[in-house]
């Protein structure tokens, strides 16, 4: 058996739990997954995947299932009920600025 070294990392409990759940379904222990990641870092001489900020795009009706659509409608109704509204002119200006439309 190859010699091993310990790696200690602090991660958010929720992220660790989510990762463990996925890895369990894959039949891969956390230590093996970390080893795979580190091998890829060494082989590729960098992070083995693209790291970027998510795109700031408006929600597309066609991309939502019924539950997601209903959740978005509920969020909107909640905003209206609590007075978190802005004028149509401000919406148009923000969409133009943020999304180029």
N, C-alpha and C. Protein backbone atom coordinates (compact mmCIF):
# COMPACT_ATOMS: atom_id res chain seq x y z
N UNK A 1 0.84 -1.18 0.00
CA UNK A 1 0.00 0.00 0.00
C UNK A 1 0.89 1.25 0.00
N UNK A 2 0.48 2.24 -0.75
CA UNK A 2 1.25 3.48 -0.86
C UNK A 2 1.18 4.27 0.44
N UNK A 3 2.25 5.00 0.71
CA UNK A 3 2.23 5.88 1.87
C UNK A 3 1.21 6.98 1.64
N UNK A 4 0.61 7.43 2.71
CA UNK A 4 -0.38 8.51 2.59
C UNK A 4 -0.01 9.65 3.52
N UNK A 5 -0.62 10.79 3.28
CA UNK A 5 -0.43 11.98 4.08
C UNK A 5 -1.80 12.51 4.44
N UNK A 6 -1.92 13.15 5.57
CA UNK A 6 -3.21 13.71 5.98
C UNK A 6 -3.42 15.09 5.39
N UNK A 7 -4.67 15.38 5.04
CA UNK A 7 -5.08 16.70 4.58
C UNK A 7 -6.25 17.11 5.47
N UNK A 8 -6.17 18.27 6.06
CA UNK A 8 -7.26 18.77 6.89
C UNK A 8 -7.87 19.98 6.20
N UNK A 9 -9.18 19.99 6.09
CA UNK A 9 -9.87 21.10 5.43
C UNK A 9 -11.13 21.45 6.21
N UNK A 10 -11.43 22.72 6.28
CA UNK A 10 -12.67 23.16 6.90
C UNK A 10 -13.66 23.49 5.79
N UNK A 11 -14.84 22.89 5.88
CA UNK A 11 -15.89 23.15 4.90
C UNK A 11 -17.20 23.36 5.65
N UNK A 12 -18.11 24.03 5.00
CA UNK A 12 -19.43 24.25 5.59
C UNK A 12 -20.13 22.90 5.74
N UNK A 13 -20.76 22.65 6.89
CA UNK A 13 -21.40 21.35 7.13
C UNK A 13 -22.41 20.96 6.05
N UNK A 14 -23.19 21.92 5.57
CA UNK A 14 -24.20 21.61 4.55
C UNK A 14 -23.55 21.14 3.24
N UNK A 15 -22.47 21.81 2.85
CA UNK A 15 -21.76 21.43 1.62
C UNK A 15 -21.16 20.03 1.78
N UNK A 16 -20.56 19.77 2.94
CA UNK A 16 -19.98 18.45 3.21
C UNK A 16 -21.06 17.37 3.13
N UNK A 17 -22.21 17.64 3.73
CA UNK A 17 -23.30 16.66 3.72
C UNK A 17 -23.80 16.41 2.29
N UNK A 18 -23.95 17.48 1.52
CA UNK A 18 -24.41 17.32 0.13
C UNK A 18 -23.40 16.51 -0.68
N UNK A 19 -22.11 16.82 -0.50
CA UNK A 19 -21.07 16.09 -1.24
C UNK A 19 -21.04 14.63 -0.81
N UNK A 20 -21.15 14.37 0.49
CA UNK A 20 -21.16 12.98 0.97
C UNK A 20 -22.32 12.20 0.38
N UNK A 21 -23.46 12.84 0.27
CA UNK A 21 -24.64 12.18 -0.30
C UNK A 21 -24.40 11.78 -1.75
N UNK A 22 -23.82 12.68 -2.53
CA UNK A 22 -23.53 12.39 -3.94
C UNK A 22 -22.47 11.29 -4.04
N UNK A 23 -21.40 11.44 -3.25
CA UNK A 23 -20.32 10.46 -3.31
C UNK A 23 -20.78 9.08 -2.87
N UNK A 24 -21.68 9.03 -1.90
CA UNK A 24 -22.23 7.74 -1.46
C UNK A 24 -22.97 7.05 -2.61
N UNK A 25 -23.74 7.83 -3.37
CA UNK A 25 -24.46 7.28 -4.52
C UNK A 25 -23.49 6.78 -5.58
N UNK A 26 -22.32 7.41 -5.66
CA UNK A 26 -21.31 7.00 -6.63
C UNK A 26 -20.44 5.86 -6.10
N UNK A 27 -20.60 5.54 -4.80
CA UNK A 27 -19.79 4.49 -4.21
C UNK A 27 -18.34 4.91 -4.00
N UNK A 28 -18.12 6.20 -3.80
CA UNK A 28 -16.77 6.73 -3.66
C UNK A 28 -16.61 7.40 -2.30
N UNK A 29 -15.67 6.95 -1.49
CA UNK A 29 -15.43 7.62 -0.22
C UNK A 29 -14.89 9.04 -0.43
N UNK A 30 -15.15 9.90 0.53
CA UNK A 30 -14.70 11.29 0.45
C UNK A 30 -13.19 11.36 0.24
N UNK A 31 -12.43 10.53 0.95
CA UNK A 31 -10.97 10.57 0.81
C UNK A 31 -10.53 10.25 -0.62
N UNK A 32 -11.22 9.31 -1.27
CA UNK A 32 -10.89 8.99 -2.67
C UNK A 32 -11.21 10.17 -3.59
N UNK A 33 -12.35 10.83 -3.35
CA UNK A 33 -12.73 11.97 -4.18
C UNK A 33 -11.72 13.10 -4.04
N UNK A 34 -11.27 13.34 -2.82
CA UNK A 34 -10.26 14.38 -2.60
C UNK A 34 -8.96 14.00 -3.29
N UNK A 35 -8.59 12.72 -3.20
CA UNK A 35 -7.39 12.24 -3.88
C UNK A 35 -7.48 12.42 -5.39
N UNK A 36 -8.64 12.11 -5.96
CA UNK A 36 -8.85 12.29 -7.40
C UNK A 36 -8.68 13.76 -7.76
N UNK A 37 -9.30 14.64 -6.96
CA UNK A 37 -9.19 16.08 -7.22
C UNK A 37 -7.72 16.52 -7.20
N UNK A 38 -6.99 16.10 -6.16
CA UNK A 38 -5.59 16.53 -6.05
C UNK A 38 -4.72 15.96 -7.17
N UNK A 39 -4.98 14.73 -7.59
CA UNK A 39 -4.24 14.16 -8.73
C UNK A 39 -4.49 14.98 -10.00
N UNK A 40 -5.73 15.39 -10.20
CA UNK A 40 -6.06 16.19 -11.37
C UNK A 40 -5.40 17.57 -11.31
N UNK A 41 -5.35 18.17 -10.12
CA UNK A 41 -4.66 19.45 -9.96
C UNK A 41 -3.20 19.29 -10.36
N UNK A 42 -2.57 18.21 -9.87
CA UNK A 42 -1.15 17.99 -10.20
C UNK A 42 -0.95 17.73 -11.69
N UNK A 43 -1.80 16.89 -12.28
CA UNK A 43 -1.66 16.55 -13.69
C UNK A 43 -1.91 17.75 -14.61
N UNK A 44 -2.93 18.55 -14.26
CA UNK A 44 -3.30 19.67 -15.13
C UNK A 44 -2.61 20.98 -14.74
N UNK A 45 -1.87 20.92 -13.65
CA UNK A 45 -1.16 22.11 -13.16
C UNK A 45 -2.11 23.27 -12.91
N UNK A 46 -3.26 22.95 -12.34
CA UNK A 46 -4.26 23.97 -12.02
C UNK A 46 -5.55 23.31 -11.59
N UNK A 47 -6.55 24.12 -11.33
CA UNK A 47 -7.87 23.61 -10.96
C UNK A 47 -8.44 22.87 -12.17
N UNK A 48 -8.94 21.63 -11.98
CA UNK A 48 -9.35 20.82 -13.13
C UNK A 48 -10.75 21.12 -13.67
N UNK A 49 -11.27 22.29 -13.37
CA UNK A 49 -12.56 22.68 -13.92
C UNK A 49 -12.60 24.20 -13.96
N UNK A 50 -13.52 24.72 -14.75
CA UNK A 50 -13.64 26.16 -14.92
C UNK A 50 -14.29 26.76 -13.68
N UNK A 51 -13.73 27.85 -13.19
CA UNK A 51 -14.30 28.57 -12.06
C UNK A 51 -14.72 29.94 -12.56
N UNK A 52 -16.00 30.22 -12.47
CA UNK A 52 -16.48 31.52 -12.93
C UNK A 52 -17.74 31.89 -12.16
N UNK A 53 -18.07 33.16 -12.20
CA UNK A 53 -19.28 33.63 -11.57
C UNK A 53 -20.49 33.21 -12.41
N UNK A 54 -21.61 32.92 -11.76
CA UNK A 54 -22.80 32.58 -12.54
C UNK A 54 -23.26 33.79 -13.35
N UNK A 55 -23.85 33.50 -14.49
CA UNK A 55 -24.35 34.58 -15.34
C UNK A 55 -25.58 35.19 -14.69
N UNK A 56 -25.67 36.50 -14.78
CA UNK A 56 -26.80 37.22 -14.24
C UNK A 56 -27.85 37.34 -15.34
N UNK A 57 -28.73 36.36 -15.41
CA UNK A 57 -29.74 36.36 -16.47
C UNK A 57 -31.13 36.29 -15.85
N UNK A 58 -32.11 36.89 -16.49
CA UNK A 58 -33.48 36.81 -15.96
C UNK A 58 -34.01 35.38 -16.05
N UNK A 59 -34.97 35.09 -15.19
CA UNK A 59 -35.60 33.77 -15.20
C UNK A 59 -36.41 33.63 -16.48
N UNK A 60 -36.25 32.51 -17.16
CA UNK A 60 -36.99 32.25 -18.39
C UNK A 60 -38.18 31.34 -18.09
N UNK A 61 -39.36 31.79 -18.44
CA UNK A 61 -40.57 31.01 -18.20
C UNK A 61 -40.45 29.60 -18.77
N UNK A 62 -39.91 29.48 -19.97
CA UNK A 62 -39.81 28.18 -20.62
C UNK A 62 -38.87 27.21 -19.94
N UNK A 63 -37.96 27.72 -19.10
CA UNK A 63 -37.00 26.86 -18.42
C UNK A 63 -37.52 26.34 -17.08
N UNK A 64 -38.69 26.78 -16.66
CA UNK A 64 -39.23 26.41 -15.36
C UNK A 64 -40.25 25.28 -15.47
N UNK A 65 -40.22 24.40 -14.48
CA UNK A 65 -41.31 23.43 -14.40
C UNK A 65 -42.47 24.09 -13.65
N UNK A 66 -43.56 23.40 -13.49
CA UNK A 66 -44.75 24.02 -12.89
C UNK A 66 -44.49 24.48 -11.45
N UNK A 67 -43.81 23.67 -10.66
CA UNK A 67 -43.53 24.04 -9.27
C UNK A 67 -42.62 25.26 -9.20
N UNK A 68 -41.59 25.30 -10.04
CA UNK A 68 -40.68 26.44 -10.06
C UNK A 68 -41.41 27.71 -10.49
N UNK A 69 -42.27 27.57 -11.49
CA UNK A 69 -43.06 28.71 -11.97
C UNK A 69 -43.94 29.24 -10.85
N UNK A 70 -44.64 28.33 -10.16
CA UNK A 70 -45.53 28.74 -9.07
C UNK A 70 -44.74 29.40 -7.94
N UNK A 71 -43.55 28.92 -7.66
CA UNK A 71 -42.71 29.52 -6.62
C UNK A 71 -42.32 30.94 -7.02
N UNK A 72 -41.99 31.16 -8.30
CA UNK A 72 -41.64 32.51 -8.76
C UNK A 72 -42.84 33.45 -8.66
N UNK A 73 -44.03 32.95 -9.01
CA UNK A 73 -45.25 33.76 -8.90
C UNK A 73 -45.49 34.13 -7.43
N UNK A 74 -45.32 33.16 -6.53
CA UNK A 74 -45.51 33.41 -5.10
C UNK A 74 -44.52 34.46 -4.59
N UNK A 75 -43.27 34.40 -5.05
CA UNK A 75 -42.29 35.41 -4.65
C UNK A 75 -42.74 36.79 -5.11
N UNK A 76 -43.24 36.87 -6.33
CA UNK A 76 -43.71 38.15 -6.86
C UNK A 76 -44.90 38.69 -6.09
N UNK A 77 -45.85 37.83 -5.79
CA UNK A 77 -47.03 38.26 -5.02
C UNK A 77 -46.63 38.71 -3.62
N UNK A 78 -45.67 38.03 -3.04
CA UNK A 78 -45.18 38.41 -1.71
C UNK A 78 -44.52 39.78 -1.75
N UNK A 79 -43.75 40.05 -2.81
CA UNK A 79 -43.12 41.36 -2.97
C UNK A 79 -44.17 42.46 -3.08
N UNK A 80 -45.21 42.22 -3.87
CA UNK A 80 -46.27 43.21 -4.05
C UNK A 80 -46.97 43.45 -2.72
N UNK A 81 -47.30 42.37 -2.00
CA UNK A 81 -48.02 42.50 -0.73
C UNK A 81 -47.20 43.26 0.31
N UNK A 82 -45.88 43.13 0.26
CA UNK A 82 -45.05 43.81 1.25
C UNK A 82 -44.54 45.17 0.78
N UNK A 83 -44.96 45.59 -0.42
CA UNK A 83 -44.59 46.91 -0.91
C UNK A 83 -43.23 46.99 -1.58
N UNK A 84 -42.61 45.83 -1.85
CA UNK A 84 -41.31 45.82 -2.52
C UNK A 84 -41.55 45.86 -4.03
N UNK A 85 -41.87 47.03 -4.54
CA UNK A 85 -42.16 47.19 -5.96
C UNK A 85 -41.38 48.39 -6.49
N UNK A 86 -41.15 48.37 -7.81
CA UNK A 86 -40.52 49.52 -8.47
C UNK A 86 -41.30 49.81 -9.74
N UNK A 87 -41.10 50.99 -10.27
CA UNK A 87 -41.87 51.40 -11.45
C UNK A 87 -41.42 50.63 -12.69
N UNK A 88 -42.30 50.57 -13.68
CA UNK A 88 -42.00 49.90 -14.94
C UNK A 88 -40.81 50.58 -15.63
N UNK A 89 -40.72 51.89 -15.51
CA UNK A 89 -39.60 52.63 -16.10
C UNK A 89 -38.28 52.18 -15.48
N UNK A 90 -38.25 52.04 -14.16
CA UNK A 90 -37.03 51.59 -13.49
C UNK A 90 -36.68 50.15 -13.88
N UNK A 91 -37.69 49.32 -14.05
CA UNK A 91 -37.46 47.94 -14.48
C UNK A 91 -36.83 47.93 -15.87
N UNK A 92 -37.39 48.72 -16.78
CA UNK A 92 -36.86 48.78 -18.14
C UNK A 92 -35.42 49.27 -18.15
N UNK A 93 -35.12 50.28 -17.36
CA UNK A 93 -33.75 50.80 -17.29
C UNK A 93 -32.78 49.76 -16.72
N UNK A 94 -33.21 49.04 -15.68
CA UNK A 94 -32.34 48.03 -15.06
C UNK A 94 -32.12 46.86 -16.03
N UNK A 95 -33.16 46.43 -16.74
CA UNK A 95 -33.00 45.32 -17.69
C UNK A 95 -32.06 45.72 -18.81
N UNK A 96 -32.18 46.96 -19.26
CA UNK A 96 -31.28 47.44 -20.31
C UNK A 96 -29.83 47.45 -19.81
N UNK A 97 -29.65 47.96 -18.60
CA UNK A 97 -28.31 48.05 -18.01
C UNK A 97 -27.72 46.66 -17.75
N UNK A 98 -28.51 45.79 -17.08
CA UNK A 98 -27.99 44.49 -16.64
C UNK A 98 -27.93 43.44 -17.75
N UNK A 99 -28.88 43.46 -18.65
CA UNK A 99 -29.00 42.39 -19.65
C UNK A 99 -28.89 42.86 -21.09
N UNK A 100 -28.78 44.16 -21.29
CA UNK A 100 -28.66 44.67 -22.64
C UNK A 100 -29.93 44.54 -23.48
N UNK A 101 -31.09 44.50 -22.80
CA UNK A 101 -32.36 44.39 -23.53
C UNK A 101 -33.25 45.56 -23.23
